[in-house]
């Protein structure tokens, strides 16, 4: 079964520790279906680094409503991890 992953926060940690492998290595079991960040420039950078046309969002709730997503990876600054984790779980997502 293929799981759909979304990532909130698109800095180096998100791209290099999670997104790159989701796009390049684990396509038999995983799909990266959304990237979210409050910084549009960082979203553009992440897409360029990945070389993939992953949908991007500046609104977290919109991403959760719009694309298939089973699991949310929170890679934002530590101070807001809890906010995104709670919102993801309220939408029925694994975190």
PDB file of N, CA and C in Angstrom:
ATOM      1  N   UNK A   1       0.836  -1.180   0.000  1.00  0.00           N
ATOM      2  CA  UNK A   1       0.000   0.000   0.000  1.00  0.00           C
ATOM      3  C   UNK A   1       0.883   1.247   0.000  1.00  0.00           C
ATOM      4  N   UNK A   2       0.556   2.187  -0.849  1.00  0.00           N
ATOM      5  CA  UNK A   2       1.311   3.432  -0.950  1.00  0.00           C
ATOM      6  C   UNK A   2       0.737   4.440   0.040  1.00  0.00           C
ATOM      7  N   UNK A   3       1.610   5.047   0.847  1.00  0.00           N
ATOM      8  CA  UNK A   3       1.195   6.113   1.766  1.00  0.00           C
ATOM      9  C   UNK A   3       1.531   7.452   1.147  1.00  0.00           C
ATOM     10  N   UNK A   4       0.664   8.423   1.411  1.00  0.00           N
ATOM     11  CA  UNK A   4       0.854   9.786   0.923  1.00  0.00           C
ATOM     12  C   UNK A   4       1.385  10.658   2.057  1.00  0.00           C
ATOM     13  N   UNK A   5       2.494  11.350   1.780  1.00  0.00           N
ATOM     14  CA  UNK A   5       3.162  12.185   2.776  1.00  0.00           C
ATOM     15  C   UNK A   5       3.093  13.654   2.383  1.00  0.00           C
ATOM     16  N   UNK A   6       2.874  14.499   3.378  1.00  0.00           N
ATOM     17  CA  UNK A   6       2.958  15.947   3.223  1.00  0.00           C
ATOM     18  C   UNK A   6       3.987  16.440   4.230  1.00  0.00           C
ATOM     19  N   UNK A   7       4.700  17.493   3.846  1.00  0.00           N
ATOM     20  CA  UNK A   7       5.713  18.064   4.730  1.00  0.00           C
ATOM     21  C   UNK A   7       5.396  19.530   4.952  1.00  0.00           C
ATOM     22  N   UNK A   8       5.430  19.959   6.201  1.00  0.00           N
ATOM     23  CA  UNK A   8       5.292  21.377   6.537  1.00  0.00           C
ATOM     24  C   UNK A   8       6.641  21.847   7.064  1.00  0.00           C
ATOM     25  N   UNK A   9       7.128  22.927   6.472  1.00  0.00           N
ATOM     26  CA  UNK A   9       8.476  23.414   6.729  1.00  0.00           C
ATOM     27  C   UNK A   9       9.384  22.855   5.654  1.00  0.00           C
ATOM     28  N   UNK A  10      10.055  23.733   4.897  1.00  0.00           N
ATOM     29  CA  UNK A  10      10.825  23.236   3.748  1.00  0.00           C
ATOM     30  C   UNK A  10      12.274  23.717   3.768  1.00  0.00           C
ATOM     31  N   UNK A  11      12.886  23.678   4.929  1.00  0.00           N
ATOM     32  CA  UNK A  11      14.306  24.000   5.026  1.00  0.00           C
ATOM     33  C   UNK A  11      15.163  22.800   4.648  1.00  0.00           C
ATOM     34  N   UNK A  12      16.448  22.915   4.925  1.00  0.00           N
ATOM     35  CA  UNK A  12      17.388  21.841   4.578  1.00  0.00           C
ATOM     36  C   UNK A  12      17.021  20.514   5.234  1.00  0.00           C
ATOM     37  N   UNK A  13      16.596  20.563   6.486  1.00  0.00           N
ATOM     38  CA  UNK A  13      16.244  19.321   7.190  1.00  0.00           C
ATOM     39  C   UNK A  13      15.099  18.602   6.473  1.00  0.00           C
ATOM     40  N   UNK A  14      14.080  19.328   6.095  1.00  0.00           N
ATOM     41  CA  UNK A  14      12.934  18.716   5.419  1.00  0.00           C
ATOM     42  C   UNK A  14      13.331  18.105   4.080  1.00  0.00           C
ATOM     43  N   UNK A  15      14.083  18.861   3.304  1.00  0.00           N
ATOM     44  CA  UNK A  15      14.453  18.388   1.964  1.00  0.00           C
ATOM     45  C   UNK A  15      15.443  17.235   2.043  1.00  0.00           C
ATOM     46  N   UNK A  16      16.505  17.405   2.819  1.00  0.00           N
ATOM     47  CA  UNK A  16      17.587  16.414   2.809  1.00  0.00           C
ATOM     48  C   UNK A  16      17.327  15.181   3.659  1.00  0.00           C
ATOM     49  N   UNK A  17      16.539  15.306   4.721  1.00  0.00           N
ATOM     50  CA  UNK A  17      16.283  14.145   5.575  1.00  0.00           C
ATOM     51  C   UNK A  17      15.030  13.368   5.166  1.00  0.00           C
ATOM     52  N   UNK A  18      14.085  14.046   4.517  1.00  0.00           N
ATOM     53  CA  UNK A  18      12.796  13.396   4.244  1.00  0.00           C
ATOM     54  C   UNK A  18      12.386  13.446   2.778  1.00  0.00           C
ATOM     55  N   UNK A  19      12.211  14.637   2.244  1.00  0.00           N
ATOM     56  CA  UNK A  19      11.596  14.792   0.924  1.00  0.00           C
ATOM     57  C   UNK A  19      12.383  14.124  -0.188  1.00  0.00           C
ATOM     58  N   UNK A  20      13.697  14.301  -0.195  1.00  0.00           N
ATOM     59  CA  UNK A  20      14.518  13.739  -1.273  1.00  0.00           C
ATOM     60  C   UNK A  20      14.333  12.219  -1.371  1.00  0.00           C
ATOM     61  N   UNK A  21      14.360  11.528  -0.249  1.00  0.00           N
ATOM     62  CA  UNK A  21      14.173  10.075  -0.281  1.00  0.00           C
ATOM     63  C   UNK A  21      12.754   9.685  -0.665  1.00  0.00           C
ATOM     64  N   UNK A  22      11.767  10.446  -0.213  1.00  0.00           N
ATOM     65  CA  UNK A  22      10.389  10.142  -0.604  1.00  0.00           C
ATOM     66  C   UNK A  22      10.219  10.223  -2.116  1.00  0.00           C
ATOM     67  N   UNK A  23      10.864  11.197  -2.734  1.00  0.00           N
ATOM     68  CA  UNK A  23      10.738  11.397  -4.187  1.00  0.00           C
ATOM     69  C   UNK A  23      11.589  10.403  -4.965  1.00  0.00           C
ATOM     70  N   UNK A  24      12.800  10.118  -4.490  1.00  0.00           N
ATOM     71  CA  UNK A  24      13.749   9.356  -5.295  1.00  0.00           C
ATOM     72  C   UNK A  24      13.887   7.882  -4.929  1.00  0.00           C
ATOM     73  N   UNK A  25      13.676   7.521  -3.677  1.00  0.00           N
ATOM     74  CA  UNK A  25      14.032   6.179  -3.235  1.00  0.00           C
ATOM     75  C   UNK A  25      12.836   5.288  -2.911  1.00  0.00           C
ATOM     76  N   UNK A  26      11.796   5.850  -2.344  1.00  0.00           N
ATOM     77  CA  UNK A  26      10.713   5.017  -1.813  1.00  0.00           C
ATOM     78  C   UNK A  26       9.401   5.116  -2.593  1.00  0.00           C
ATOM     79  N   UNK A  27       9.470   5.369  -3.878  1.00  0.00           N
ATOM     80  CA  UNK A  27       8.245   5.541  -4.653  1.00  0.00           C
ATOM     81  C   UNK A  27       7.381   4.293  -4.723  1.00  0.00           C
ATOM     82  N   UNK A  28       7.933   3.143  -4.413  1.00  0.00           N
ATOM     83  CA  UNK A  28       7.123   1.929  -4.417  1.00  0.00           C
ATOM     84  C   UNK A  28       6.164   1.875  -3.232  1.00  0.00           C
ATOM     85  N   UNK A  29       6.457   2.643  -2.163  1.00  0.00           N
ATOM     86  CA  UNK A  29       5.596   2.615  -0.978  1.00  0.00           C
ATOM     87  C   UNK A  29       5.168   3.996  -0.491  1.00  0.00           C
ATOM     88  N   UNK A  30       5.695   5.064  -1.093  1.00  0.00           N
ATOM     89  CA  UNK A  30       5.410   6.415  -0.590  1.00  0.00           C
ATOM     90  C   UNK A  30       5.310   7.427  -1.719  1.00  0.00           C
ATOM     91  N   UNK A  31       4.454   8.422  -1.514  1.00  0.00           N
ATOM     92  CA  UNK A  31       4.325   9.558  -2.443  1.00  0.00           C
ATOM     93  C   UNK A  31       4.387  10.843  -1.634  1.00  0.00           C
ATOM     94  N   UNK A  32       5.184  11.785  -2.097  1.00  0.00           N
ATOM     95  CA  UNK A  32       5.199  13.125  -1.517  1.00  0.00           C
ATOM     96  C   UNK A  32       4.141  13.926  -2.262  1.00  0.00           C
ATOM     97  N   UNK A  33       3.066  14.265  -1.560  1.00  0.00           N
ATOM     98  CA  UNK A  33       1.919  14.883  -2.234  1.00  0.00           C
ATOM     99  C   UNK A  33       1.742  16.363  -1.910  1.00  0.00           C
ATOM    100  N   UNK A  34       2.533  16.902  -0.992  1.00  0.00           N
ATOM    101  CA  UNK A  34       2.402  18.322  -0.688  1.00  0.00           C
ATOM    102  C   UNK A  34       3.535  18.849   0.158  1.00  0.00           C
ATOM    103  N   UNK A  35       3.917  20.096  -0.132  1.00  0.00           N
ATOM    104  CA  UNK A  35       4.896  20.826   0.661  1.00  0.00           C
ATOM    105  C   UNK A  35       4.242  22.121   1.115  1.00  0.00           C
ATOM    106  N   UNK A  36       4.469  22.489   2.363  1.00  0.00           N
ATOM    107  CA  UNK A  36       3.882  23.716   2.908  1.00  0.00           C
ATOM    108  C   UNK A  36       4.945  24.509   3.646  1.00  0.00           C
ATOM    109  N   UNK A  37       4.931  25.813   3.417  1.00  0.00           N
ATOM    110  CA  UNK A  37       5.819  26.715   4.132  1.00  0.00           C
ATOM    111  C   UNK A  37       5.209  28.108   4.053  1.00  0.00           C
ATOM    112  N   UNK A  38       5.443  28.930   5.060  1.00  0.00           N
ATOM    113  CA  UNK A  38       4.928  30.300   5.017  1.00  0.00           C
ATOM    114  C   UNK A  38       5.771  31.175   4.092  1.00  0.00           C
ATOM    115  N   UNK A  39       6.926  30.669   3.665  1.00  0.00           N
ATOM    116  CA  UNK A  39       7.845  31.410   2.813  1.00  0.00           C
ATOM    117  C   UNK A  39       7.798  30.851   1.390  1.00  0.00           C
ATOM    118  N   UNK A  40       7.179  31.572   0.437  1.00  0.00           N
ATOM    119  CA  UNK A  40       7.100  31.078  -0.943  1.00  0.00           C
ATOM    120  C   UNK A  40       8.467  30.849  -1.586  1.00  0.00           C
ATOM    121  N   UNK A  41       9.455  31.650  -1.214  1.00  0.00           N
ATOM    122  CA  UNK A  41      10.798  31.457  -1.760  1.00  0.00           C
ATOM    123  C   UNK A  41      11.399  30.130  -1.337  1.00  0.00           C
ATOM    124  N   UNK A  42      11.152  29.739  -0.105  1.00  0.00           N
ATOM    125  CA  UNK A  42      11.654  28.457   0.378  1.00  0.00           C
ATOM    126  C   UNK A  42      10.935  27.303  -0.314  1.00  0.00           C
ATOM    127  N   UNK A  43       9.650  27.469  -0.595  1.00  0.00           N
ATOM    128  CA  UNK A  43       8.916  26.439  -1.344  1.00  0.00           C
ATOM    129  C   UNK A  43       9.512  26.252  -2.735  1.00  0.00           C
ATOM    130  N   UNK A  44       9.807  27.367  -3.402  1.00  0.00           N
ATOM    131  CA  UNK A  44      10.405  27.300  -4.747  1.00  0.00           C
ATOM    132  C   UNK A  44      11.770  26.621  -4.680  1.00  0.00           C
ATOM    133  N   UNK A  45      12.563  26.961  -3.667  1.00  0.00           N
ATOM    134  CA  UNK A  45      13.877  26.336  -3.494  1.00  0.00           C
ATOM    135  C   UNK A  45      13.728  24.822  -3.297  1.00  0.00           C
ATOM    136  N   UNK A  46      12.793  24.411  -2.461  1.00  0.00           N
ATOM    137  CA  UNK A  46      12.594  22.982  -2.182  1.00  0.00           C
ATOM    138  C   UNK A  46      12.215  22.233  -3.453  1.00  0.00           C
ATOM    139  N   UNK A  47      11.326  22.786  -4.244  1.00  0.00           N
ATOM    140  CA  UNK A  47      10.933  22.121  -5.494  1.00  0.00           C
ATOM    141  C   UNK A  47      12.123  21.986  -6.436  1.00  0.00           C
ATOM    142  N   UNK A  48      12.942  23.032  -6.517  1.00  0.00           N
ATOM    143  CA  UNK A  48      14.136  22.959  -7.380  1.00  0.00           C
ATOM    144  C   UNK A  48      15.091  21.872  -6.881  1.00  0.00           C
ATOM    145  N   UNK A  49      15.281  21.793  -5.577  1.00  0.00           N
ATOM    146  CA  UNK A  49      16.170  20.787  -5.014  1.00  0.00           C
ATOM    147  C   UNK A  49      15.672  19.373  -5.289  1.00  0.00           C
ATOM    148  N   UNK A  50      14.368  19.205  -5.258  1.00  0.00           N
ATOM    149  CA  UNK A  50      13.781  17.878  -5.462  1.00  0.00           C
ATOM    150  C   UNK A  50      13.655  17.508  -6.926  1.00  0.00           C
ATOM    151  N   UNK A  51      13.563  18.504  -7.803  1.00  0.00           N
ATOM    152  CA  UNK A  51      13.367  18.223  -9.216  1.00  0.00           C
ATOM    153  C   UNK A  51      12.040  17.561  -9.488  1.00  0.00           C
ATOM    154  N   UNK A  52      11.048  17.864  -8.665  1.00  0.00           N
ATOM    155  CA  UNK A  52       9.731  17.226  -8.782  1.00  0.00           C
ATOM    156  C   UNK A  52       8.640  18.289  -8.712  1.00  0.00           C
ATOM    157  N   UNK A  53       7.569  18.043  -9.377  1.00  0.00           N
ATOM    158  CA  UNK A  53       6.425  18.963  -9.380  1.00  0.00           C
ATOM    159  C   UNK A  53       5.461  18.625  -8.246  1.00  0.00           C
ATOM    160  N   UNK A  54       5.932  18.747  -7.043  1.00  0.00           N
ATOM    161  CA  UNK A  54       5.109  18.502  -5.866  1.00  0.00           C
ATOM    162  C   UNK A  54       4.248  19.738  -5.616  1.00  0.00           C
ATOM    163  N   UNK A  55       2.952  19.581  -5.370  1.00  0.00           N
ATOM    164  CA  UNK A  55       2.112  20.748  -5.056  1.00  0.00           C
ATOM    165  C   UNK A  55       2.633  21.485  -3.825  1.00  0.00           C
ATOM    166  N   UNK A  56       2.601  22.821  -3.891  1.00  0.00           N
ATOM    167  CA  UNK A  56       3.095  23.639  -2.782  1.00  0.00           C
ATOM    168  C   UNK A  56       1.983  24.532  -2.240  1.00  0.00           C
ATOM    169  N   UNK A  57       2.082  24.817  -0.943  1.00  0.00           N
ATOM    170  CA  UNK A  57       1.055  25.588  -0.252  1.00  0.00           C
ATOM    171  C   UNK A  57       1.697  26.507   0.786  1.00  0.00           C
ATOM    172  N   UNK A  58       1.105  27.686   0.962  1.00  0.00           N
ATOM    173  CA  UNK A  58       1.483  28.549   2.079  1.00  0.00           C
ATOM    174  C   UNK A  58       0.448  28.443   3.202  1.00  0.00           C
ATOM    175  N   UNK A  59      -0.642  27.745   2.951  1.00  0.00           N
ATOM    176  CA  UNK A  59      -1.703  27.553   3.940  1.00  0.00           C
ATOM    177  C   UNK A  59      -1.783  26.064   4.293  1.00  0.00           C
ATOM    178  N   UNK A  60      -1.450  25.732   5.518  1.00  0.00           N
ATOM    179  CA  UNK A  60      -1.396  24.344   5.971  1.00  0.00           C
ATOM    180  C   UNK A  60      -2.742  23.645   5.856  1.00  0.00           C
ATOM    181  N   UNK A  61      -3.808  24.301   6.317  1.00  0.00           N
ATOM    182  CA  UNK A  61      -5.134  23.686   6.251  1.00  0.00           C
ATOM    183  C   UNK A  61      -5.560  23.437   4.816  1.00  0.00           C
ATOM    184  N   UNK A  62      -5.215  24.343   3.914  1.00  0.00           N
ATOM    185  CA  UNK A  62      -5.544  24.144   2.501  1.00  0.00           C
ATOM    186  C   UNK A  62      -4.845  22.900   1.965  1.00  0.00           C
ATOM    187  N   UNK A  63      -3.579  22.722   2.322  1.00  0.00           N
ATOM    188  CA  UNK A  63      -2.861  21.528   1.867  1.00  0.00           C
ATOM    189  C   UNK A  63      -3.572  20.270   2.351  1.00  0.00           C
ATOM    190  N   UNK A  64      -3.952  20.251   3.627  1.00  0.00           N
ATOM    191  CA  UNK A  64      -4.595  19.057   4.179  1.00  0.00           C
ATOM    192  C   UNK A  64      -5.947  18.779   3.535  1.00  0.00           C
ATOM    193  N   UNK A  65      -6.635  19.832   3.111  1.00  0.00           N
ATOM    194  CA  UNK A  65      -7.940  19.659   2.453  1.00  0.00           C
ATOM    195  C   UNK A  65      -7.808  19.297   0.978  1.00  0.00           C
ATOM    196  N   UNK A  66      -6.693  19.650   0.346  1.00  0.00           N
ATOM    197  CA  UNK A  66      -6.581  19.613  -1.115  1.00  0.00           C
ATOM    198  C   UNK A  66      -5.933  18.359  -1.674  1.00  0.00           C
ATOM    199  N   UNK A  67      -4.894  17.855  -1.013  1.00  0.00           N
ATOM    200  CA  UNK A  67      -4.151  16.732  -1.579  1.00  0.00           C
ATOM    201  C   UNK A  67      -4.307  15.495  -0.708  1.00  0.00           C
ATOM    202  N   UNK A  68      -4.143  14.308  -1.292  1.00  0.00           N
ATOM    203  CA  UNK A  68      -4.163  13.103  -0.472  1.00  0.00           C
ATOM    204  C   UNK A  68      -2.996  13.152   0.517  1.00  0.00           C
ATOM    205  N   UNK A  69      -3.256  12.848   1.773  1.00  0.00           N
ATOM    206  CA  UNK A  69      -2.213  12.923   2.790  1.00  0.00           C
ATOM    207  C   UNK A  69      -2.565  11.970   3.924  1.00  0.00           C
ATOM    208  N   UNK A  70      -1.726  10.968   4.113  1.00  0.00           N
ATOM    209  CA  UNK A  70      -1.896  10.039   5.233  1.00  0.00           C
ATOM    210  C   UNK A  70      -1.035  10.440   6.418  1.00  0.00           C
ATOM    211  N   UNK A  71       0.156  10.989   6.125  1.00  0.00           N
ATOM    212  CA  UNK A  71       1.144  11.293   7.148  1.00  0.00           C
ATOM    213  C   UNK A  71       1.677  12.706   6.926  1.00  0.00           C
ATOM    214  N   UNK A  72       1.784  13.472   8.010  1.00  0.00           N
ATOM    215  CA  UNK A  72       2.387  14.804   7.956  1.00  0.00           C
ATOM    216  C   UNK A  72       3.731  14.750   8.667  1.00  0.00           C
ATOM    217  N   UNK A  73       4.761  15.211   7.977  1.00  0.00           N
ATOM    218  CA  UNK A  73       6.081  15.360   8.577  1.00  0.00           C
ATOM    219  C   UNK A  73       6.238  16.833   8.931  1.00  0.00           C
ATOM    220  N   UNK A  74       6.460  17.112  10.207  1.00  0.00           N
ATOM    221  CA  UNK A  74       6.605  18.489  10.673  1.00  0.00           C
ATOM    222  C   UNK A  74       8.097  18.807  10.752  1.00  0.00           C
ATOM    223  N   UNK A  75       8.541  19.733   9.898  1.00  0.00           N
ATOM    224  CA  UNK A  75       9.950  20.127   9.840  1.00  0.00           C
ATOM    225  C   UNK A  75      10.094  21.644   9.955  1.00  0.00           C
ATOM    226  N   UNK A  76       9.178  22.243  10.676  1.00  0.00           N
ATOM    227  CA  UNK A  76       9.214  23.682  10.909  1.00  0.00           C
ATOM    228  C   UNK A  76      10.195  23.980  12.039  1.00  0.00           C
ATOM    229  N   UNK A  77      10.301  25.253  12.403  1.00  0.00           N
ATOM    230  CA  UNK A  77      11.103  25.567  13.591  1.00  0.00           C
ATOM    231  C   UNK A  77      10.436  24.909  14.793  1.00  0.00           C
ATOM    232  N   UNK A  78      11.249  24.498  15.740  1.00  0.00           N
ATOM    233  CA  UNK A  78      10.772  23.715  16.881  1.00  0.00           C
ATOM    234  C   UNK A  78       9.635  24.386  17.650  1.00  0.00           C
ATOM    235  N   UNK A  79       9.653  25.699  17.736  1.00  0.00           N
ATOM    236  CA  UNK A  79       8.678  26.425  18.556  1.00  0.00           C
ATOM    237  C   UNK A  79       7.237  26.265  18.086  1.00  0.00           C
ATOM    238  N   UNK A  80       7.023  25.834  16.840  1.00  0.00           N
ATOM    239  CA  UNK A  80       5.651  25.679  16.345  1.00  0.00           C
ATOM    240  C   UNK A  80       5.313  24.235  15.982  1.00  0.00           C
ATOM    241  N   UNK A  81       6.177  23.286  16.329  1.00  0.00           N
ATOM    242  CA  UNK A  81       5.883  21.879  16.041  1.00  0.00           C
ATOM    243  C   UNK A  81       4.526  21.464  16.598  1.00  0.00           C
ATOM    244  N   UNK A  82       4.264  21.820  17.851  1.00  0.00           N
ATOM    245  CA  UNK A  82       3.017  21.390  18.479  1.00  0.00           C
ATOM    246  C   UNK A  82       1.796  21.912  17.737  1.00  0.00           C
ATOM    247  N   UNK A  83       1.845  23.145  17.269  1.00  0.00           N
ATOM    248  CA  UNK A  83       0.712  23.722  16.536  1.00  0.00           C
ATOM    249  C   UNK A  83       0.381  22.889  15.299  1.00  0.00           C
ATOM    250  N   UNK A  84       1.396  22.563  14.512  1.00  0.00           N
ATOM    251  CA  UNK A  84       1.153  21.796  13.289  1.00  0.00           C
ATOM    252  C   UNK A  84       0.779  20.350  13.588  1.00  0.00           C
ATOM    253  N   UNK A  85       1.371  19.772  14.614  1.00  0.00           N
ATOM    254  CA  UNK A  85       1.032  18.397  14.972  1.00  0.00           C
ATOM    255  C   UNK A  85      -0.432  18.288  15.390  1.00  0.00           C
ATOM    256  N   UNK A  86      -0.880  19.201  16.225  1.00  0.00           N
ATOM    257  CA  UNK A  86      -2.273  19.178  16.685  1.00  0.00           C
ATOM    258  C   UNK A  86      -3.222  19.370  15.518  1.00  0.00           C
ATOM    259  N   UNK A  87      -2.944  20.359  14.662  1.00  0.00           N
ATOM    260  CA  UNK A  87      -3.824  20.588  13.510  1.00  0.00           C
ATOM    261  C   UNK A  87      -3.865  19.386  12.577  1.00  0.00           C
ATOM    262  N   UNK A  88      -2.726  18.744  12.355  1.00  0.00           N
ATOM    263  CA  UNK A  88      -2.708  17.552  11.500  1.00  0.00           C
ATOM    264  C   UNK A  88      -3.550  16.433  12.093  1.00  0.00           C
ATOM    265  N   UNK A  89      -3.404  16.212  13.403  1.00  0.00           N
ATOM    266  CA  UNK A  89      -4.185  15.155  14.047  1.00  0.00           C
ATOM    267  C   UNK A  89      -5.674  15.485  14.047  1.00  0.00           C
ATOM    268  N   UNK A  90      -6.020  16.767  14.150  1.00  0.00           N
ATOM    269  CA  UNK A  90      -7.436  17.157  14.082  1.00  0.00           C
ATOM    270  C   UNK A  90      -8.016  16.844  12.704  1.00  0.00           C
ATOM    271  N   UNK A  91      -7.165  16.791  11.693  1.00  0.00           N
ATOM    272  CA  UNK A  91      -7.600  16.407  10.346  1.00  0.00           C
ATOM    273  C   UNK A  91      -7.501  14.889  10.126  1.00  0.00           C
ATOM    274  N   UNK A  92      -7.170  14.144  11.176  1.00  0.00           N
ATOM    275  CA  UNK A  92      -7.111  12.683  11.081  1.00  0.00           C
ATOM    276  C   UNK A  92      -5.839  12.149  10.466  1.00  0.00           C
ATOM    277  N   UNK A  93      -4.762  12.931  10.490  1.00  0.00           N
ATOM    278  CA  UNK A  93      -3.496  12.504   9.878  1.00  0.00           C
ATOM    279  C   UNK A  93      -2.560  11.934  10.936  1.00  0.00           C
ATOM    280  N   UNK A  94      -1.746  10.984  10.517  1.00  0.00           N
ATOM    281  CA  UNK A  94      -0.644  10.523  11.351  1.00  0.00           C
ATOM    282  C   UNK A  94       0.442  11.592  11.273  1.00  0.00           C
ATOM    283  N   UNK A  95       1.213  11.737  12.340  1.00  0.00           N
ATOM    284  CA  UNK A  95       2.261  12.767  12.382  1.00  0.00           C
ATOM    285  C   UNK A  95       3.579  12.104  12.763  1.00  0.00           C
TER     286      UNK A  95
END
